[in-house]
Amino acid sequence: MTIDIERLECQLLQMSAEGAPGREFCESIAELARTGRFAQLRDVLPGIVYDELWARYQQDTAAFVSGWRMLAHEMQQGFIQHARQRLTSLTRLQQAGSITVTPAWQEIQRALDGQQNDLLRAAFAMELLELVEPAVLRATHLRECVVSAPSSEEADRYLDEATRCYFLGLFTACAVMCRSVLEEAIKQRLPASLTRLVQTRYRKTATLGNLLHEVNNNLLLTGIDAEFPHVANKVNDVGKKAVHQGLLSEDEARDCLQNSRKALELLLRA
């Protein structure tokens, strides 16, 4: 079965335009004003809003009607764009005093969106649809990570999160989680005597680098494949870059994830 992502995006745009919150509200005000029934709004609108609209209506009835019709059109056309802008504003720092004046139609959408959250729903739907094709392509670069010995539920969750971060384009987060999954898996693989030594030496705060140092110095005791430290150190280097030096590229994240999977296969041999 073929899934047409572009078609789904078009359908989402159509549904969003048809159900843009506030569009019918604006059209209703325009129609009541055009037909001389403006007074019916008195019981619907807050007093201060009604008085302000009434003053504008009396100044120029024709302009008032055409203005509210145009507002309804703008709300319909600008729904998705504003929804995306609203979502972005939640993910980034906002400088005090630098936020521009919000257009009237956006204010109305926000006010009417208080309970159903249609703006945010549309924004997330569009964001996720745009992630599908890149995620599919990234998934083709991976194969299942098959190991002989079990690790832990926490290690599985770390690997799951690292892989999903890669699929969704969160490359720096992917590398950080790759380092976490190896830390957890190594701790589960260490013999009791070495575990006690690590806990004492590093006061229970051993990093991946610390753990790899101990593994490398105690390969015979741990029984871990001699190739493991070399591969795991590649993961650690990229993970440290992610934490301390800046954002990673897609290629860096993919290499880190693939190396972490290879390291797990080496580590978790029966």
Protein backbone atom coordinates (compact mmCIF):
# COMPACT_ATOMS: atom_id res chain seq x y z
CA MET A 1 0.00 0.00 0.00
CA THR A 2 1.41 3.36 -1.06
CA ILE A 3 1.05 6.26 1.37
CA ASP A 4 1.06 9.62 -0.41
CA ILE A 5 2.47 12.08 2.15
CA GLU A 6 1.97 15.05 -0.17
CA ARG A 7 -1.70 14.15 -0.51
CA LEU A 8 -2.05 13.94 3.28
CA GLU A 9 -0.48 17.39 3.59
CA CYS A 10 -2.95 18.81 1.07
CA GLN A 11 -5.85 17.22 2.95
CA LEU A 12 -4.59 18.67 6.21
CA LEU A 13 -4.35 22.14 4.66
CA GLN A 14 -7.89 21.81 3.34
CA MET A 15 -9.31 20.64 6.67
CA SER A 16 -7.47 23.40 8.52
CA ALA A 17 -8.72 26.07 6.14
CA GLU A 18 -12.29 24.84 6.44
CA GLY A 19 -12.16 24.73 10.22
CA ALA A 20 -10.01 27.75 10.94
CA PRO A 21 -11.14 28.95 14.38
CA GLY A 22 -12.69 32.41 14.22
CA ARG A 23 -13.51 32.40 10.51
CA GLU A 24 -17.25 31.87 11.07
CA PHE A 25 -17.10 34.33 13.96
CA CYS A 26 -15.74 37.05 11.67
CA GLU A 27 -18.19 36.22 8.90
CA SER A 28 -21.07 36.40 11.38
CA ILE A 29 -20.05 39.87 12.58
CA ALA A 30 -19.79 41.04 8.97
CA GLU A 31 -23.24 39.66 8.13
CA LEU A 32 -24.93 41.11 11.24
CA ALA A 33 -23.39 44.50 10.45
CA ARG A 34 -24.45 44.33 6.81
CA THR A 35 -28.06 43.49 7.65
CA GLY A 36 -28.43 46.09 10.42
CA ARG A 37 -28.56 43.54 13.26
CA PHE A 38 -25.38 44.67 14.95
CA ALA A 39 -27.14 45.10 18.31
CA GLN A 40 -27.49 41.31 18.60
CA LEU A 41 -23.78 41.21 19.38
CA ARG A 42 -24.35 43.02 22.68
CA ASP A 43 -25.23 39.77 24.47
CA VAL A 44 -22.36 37.87 22.83
CA LEU A 45 -19.35 40.14 23.20
CA PRO A 46 -17.78 41.64 26.33
CA GLY A 47 -19.06 45.18 26.87
CA ILE A 48 -15.77 46.90 26.14
CA VAL A 49 -15.35 44.94 22.89
CA TYR A 50 -18.92 45.65 21.82
CA ASP A 51 -18.52 49.38 22.45
CA GLU A 52 -15.31 49.53 20.43
CA LEU A 53 -16.81 47.64 17.50
CA TRP A 54 -19.98 49.73 17.64
CA ALA A 55 -17.93 52.91 17.36
CA ARG A 56 -16.09 51.59 14.31
CA TYR A 57 -19.36 50.40 12.77
CA GLN A 58 -20.93 53.84 13.11
CA GLN A 59 -17.92 55.60 11.59
CA ASP A 60 -18.02 53.66 8.30
CA THR A 61 -20.47 50.77 7.96
CA ALA A 62 -19.28 49.64 4.51
CA ALA A 63 -15.62 49.62 5.56
CA PHE A 64 -16.52 47.78 8.77
CA VAL A 65 -18.32 45.01 6.86
CA SER A 66 -15.62 44.61 4.21
CA GLY A 67 -12.92 44.67 6.89
CA TRP A 68 -14.45 41.79 8.83
CA ARG A 69 -14.97 39.79 5.64
CA MET A 70 -11.32 40.29 4.78
CA LEU A 71 -10.40 39.26 8.31
CA ALA A 72 -12.29 35.98 7.87
CA HIS A 73 -10.41 35.35 4.64
CA GLU A 74 -7.03 36.08 6.24
CA MET A 75 -7.80 33.76 9.13
CA GLN A 76 -8.55 30.96 6.70
CA GLN A 77 -5.49 31.54 4.54
CA GLY A 78 -3.09 32.16 7.42
CA PHE A 79 -4.15 29.32 9.69
CA ILE A 80 -1.32 26.87 9.03
CA GLN A 81 1.36 29.53 8.82
CA HIS A 82 0.34 31.01 12.15
CA ALA A 83 0.05 27.55 13.67
CA ARG A 84 3.65 26.80 12.72
CA GLN A 85 4.81 30.15 14.04
CA ARG A 86 3.01 29.49 17.30
CA LEU A 87 4.72 26.12 17.70
CA THR A 88 8.14 27.60 16.93
CA SER A 89 7.63 30.29 19.55
CA LEU A 90 7.22 27.53 22.15
CA THR A 91 10.56 25.94 21.26
CA ARG A 92 12.82 29.01 21.27
CA LEU A 93 13.79 31.82 23.60
CA GLN A 94 11.74 34.98 23.14
CA GLN A 95 13.50 38.30 23.71
CA ALA A 96 11.50 40.61 25.99
CA GLY A 97 10.22 43.62 24.08
CA SER A 98 11.15 42.20 20.67
CA ILE A 99 7.85 40.46 19.92
CA THR A 100 6.03 42.23 17.11
CA VAL A 101 2.40 43.28 17.34
CA THR A 102 0.15 40.29 16.74
CA PRO A 103 -2.34 40.70 13.87
CA ALA A 104 -5.98 40.86 14.89
CA TRP A 105 -6.91 37.58 13.21
CA GLN A 106 -4.16 35.75 15.14
CA GLU A 107 -5.41 37.17 18.43
CA ILE A 108 -8.92 35.95 17.60
CA GLN A 109 -7.63 32.50 16.71
CA ARG A 110 -5.78 32.26 20.00
CA ALA A 111 -8.81 33.40 21.96
CA LEU A 112 -11.13 30.89 20.29
CA ASP A 113 -8.55 28.11 20.46
CA GLY A 114 -8.37 28.04 24.22
CA GLN A 115 -10.02 24.66 24.73
CA GLN A 116 -9.84 22.67 21.51
CA ASN A 117 -6.21 23.56 20.69
CA ASP A 118 -6.78 23.29 16.94
CA LEU A 119 -3.87 25.60 16.15
CA LEU A 120 -1.32 23.44 17.95
CA ARG A 121 -2.92 20.25 16.63
CA ALA A 122 -2.57 21.49 13.05
CA ALA A 123 1.01 22.61 13.67
CA PHE A 124 2.08 19.26 15.09
CA ALA A 125 0.29 17.35 12.33
CA MET A 126 2.10 19.32 9.62
CA GLU A 127 5.44 19.05 11.43
CA LEU A 128 5.13 15.27 11.76
CA LEU A 129 4.04 14.77 8.16
CA GLU A 130 7.13 16.63 6.97
CA LEU A 131 9.30 14.32 9.08
CA VAL A 132 7.99 11.09 7.54
CA GLU A 133 10.00 10.89 4.30
CA PRO A 134 13.37 11.95 5.83
CA ALA A 135 12.79 9.48 8.68
CA VAL A 136 12.07 6.66 6.22
CA LEU A 137 15.29 7.42 4.35
CA ARG A 138 17.33 7.47 7.55
CA ALA A 139 15.82 4.16 8.66
CA THR A 140 17.11 2.50 5.48
CA HIS A 141 20.68 3.09 6.71
CA LEU A 142 20.13 0.92 9.81
CA ARG A 143 19.80 -2.77 10.47
CA GLU A 144 18.54 -4.58 13.55
CA CYS A 145 20.96 -4.68 16.48
CA VAL A 146 21.19 -8.40 17.28
CA VAL A 147 22.94 -9.43 20.51
CA SER A 148 23.48 -12.77 22.25
CA ALA A 149 23.32 -11.67 25.88
CA PRO A 150 20.63 -9.49 27.51
CA SER A 151 21.40 -6.06 28.96
CA SER A 152 18.67 -4.11 30.77
CA GLU A 153 15.33 -2.44 30.17
CA GLU A 154 16.95 0.94 30.70
CA ALA A 155 19.56 0.25 28.01
CA ASP A 156 16.78 -0.72 25.60
CA ARG A 157 14.96 2.53 26.31
CA TYR A 158 18.14 4.56 25.76
CA LEU A 159 18.75 2.83 22.43
CA ASP A 160 15.11 3.33 21.42
CA GLU A 161 15.34 7.04 22.21
CA ALA A 162 18.68 7.46 20.44
CA THR A 163 17.33 5.79 17.32
CA ARG A 164 14.11 7.80 17.30
CA CYS A 165 16.09 11.02 17.75
CA TYR A 166 18.06 10.08 14.64
CA PHE A 167 14.88 9.33 12.68
CA LEU A 168 13.37 12.69 13.64
CA GLY A 169 16.47 14.75 12.88
CA LEU A 170 17.50 15.41 16.49
CA PHE A 171 21.11 14.58 15.73
CA THR A 172 22.84 16.08 18.77
CA ALA A 173 20.35 14.43 21.13
CA CYS A 174 20.92 11.15 19.30
CA ALA A 175 24.65 11.20 20.08
CA VAL A 176 24.07 12.07 23.72
CA MET A 177 21.70 9.12 24.09
CA CYS A 178 24.16 6.81 22.32
CA ARG A 179 26.69 7.57 25.01
CA SER A 180 24.07 6.86 27.69
CA VAL A 181 23.14 3.46 26.27
CA LEU A 182 26.77 2.32 26.30
CA GLU A 183 27.26 3.58 29.86
CA GLU A 184 24.26 1.56 31.00
CA ALA A 185 25.20 -1.57 29.04
CA ILE A 186 28.79 -1.54 30.35
CA LYS A 187 27.61 -1.23 33.95
CA GLN A 188 25.43 -4.29 33.48
CA ARG A 189 28.34 -6.25 31.96
CA LEU A 190 31.03 -5.56 34.58
CA PRO A 191 31.86 -8.29 37.10
CA ALA A 192 31.00 -7.47 40.74
CA SER A 193 34.59 -6.80 41.80
CA LEU A 194 35.15 -4.25 39.03
CA THR A 195 31.76 -2.67 39.68
CA ARG A 196 32.76 -2.02 43.30
CA LEU A 197 36.09 -0.58 42.19
CA VAL A 198 34.40 1.77 39.70
CA GLN A 199 31.84 2.93 42.25
CA THR A 200 34.56 3.69 44.78
CA ARG A 201 37.01 5.30 42.40
CA TYR A 202 34.47 7.55 40.66
CA ARG A 203 32.01 7.98 43.55
CA LYS A 204 29.19 6.41 41.53
CA THR A 205 29.49 9.10 38.82
CA ALA A 206 31.63 7.26 36.25
CA THR A 207 31.32 8.64 32.72
CA LEU A 208 31.55 6.54 29.57
CA GLY A 209 35.19 7.57 29.26
CA ASN A 210 35.87 6.38 32.82
CA LEU A 211 34.14 3.06 32.18
CA LEU A 212 36.02 2.49 28.92
CA HIS A 213 39.31 3.19 30.69
CA GLU A 214 38.55 0.51 33.28
CA VAL A 215 37.33 -1.97 30.68
CA ASN A 216 40.44 -1.47 28.56
CA ASN A 217 42.67 -2.11 31.59
CA ASN A 218 40.72 -5.20 32.64
CA LEU A 219 39.76 -6.97 29.39
CA LEU A 220 40.64 -10.43 30.70
CA LEU A 221 38.66 -9.90 33.90
CA THR A 222 35.60 -8.59 32.07
CA GLY A 223 35.75 -11.05 29.19
CA ILE A 224 34.73 -8.24 26.82
CA ASP A 225 35.80 -8.37 23.16
CA ALA A 226 39.11 -6.53 22.65
CA GLU A 227 37.62 -4.55 19.75
CA PHE A 228 34.88 -3.07 21.93
CA PRO A 229 36.85 -0.19 23.56
CA HIS A 230 38.01 1.07 20.14
CA VAL A 231 34.47 1.23 18.72
CA ALA A 232 32.95 2.56 21.94
CA ASN A 233 35.55 5.33 22.13
CA LYS A 234 34.31 6.63 18.77
CA VAL A 235 30.85 6.94 20.30
CA ASN A 236 32.26 8.67 23.35
CA ASP A 237 34.20 11.19 21.25
CA VAL A 238 31.13 12.19 19.25
CA GLY A 239 29.00 12.27 22.38
CA LYS A 240 31.45 14.65 24.07
CA LYS A 241 31.43 16.86 20.99
CA ALA A 242 27.63 16.94 21.14
CA VAL A 243 27.68 18.05 24.76
CA HIS A 244 30.57 20.50 24.70
CA GLN A 245 31.27 21.72 21.17
CA GLY A 246 28.00 22.27 19.32
CA LEU A 247 25.32 20.76 17.11
CA LEU A 248 26.08 17.64 15.08
CA SER A 249 25.45 16.89 11.44
CA GLU A 250 23.27 14.04 10.19
CA ASP A 251 26.33 12.07 9.08
CA GLU A 252 27.95 12.42 12.50
CA ALA A 253 24.80 11.25 14.24
CA ARG A 254 24.37 8.30 11.90
CA ASP A 255 27.99 7.18 12.37
CA CYS A 256 27.62 7.55 16.14
CA LEU A 257 24.43 5.49 16.20
CA GLN A 258 25.88 2.78 13.97
CA ASN A 259 29.02 2.58 16.11
CA SER A 260 26.97 2.37 19.28
CA ARG A 261 25.02 -0.56 17.80
CA LYS A 262 28.24 -2.27 16.73
CA ALA A 263 29.68 -1.70 20.20
CA LEU A 264 26.60 -3.26 21.80
CA GLU A 265 26.90 -6.32 19.59
CA LEU A 266 30.55 -6.69 20.67
CA LEU A 267 29.73 -6.09 24.32
CA LEU A 268 26.70 -8.33 24.59
CA ARG A 269 28.15 -11.55 23.28
CA ALA A 270 27.22 -14.64 25.23
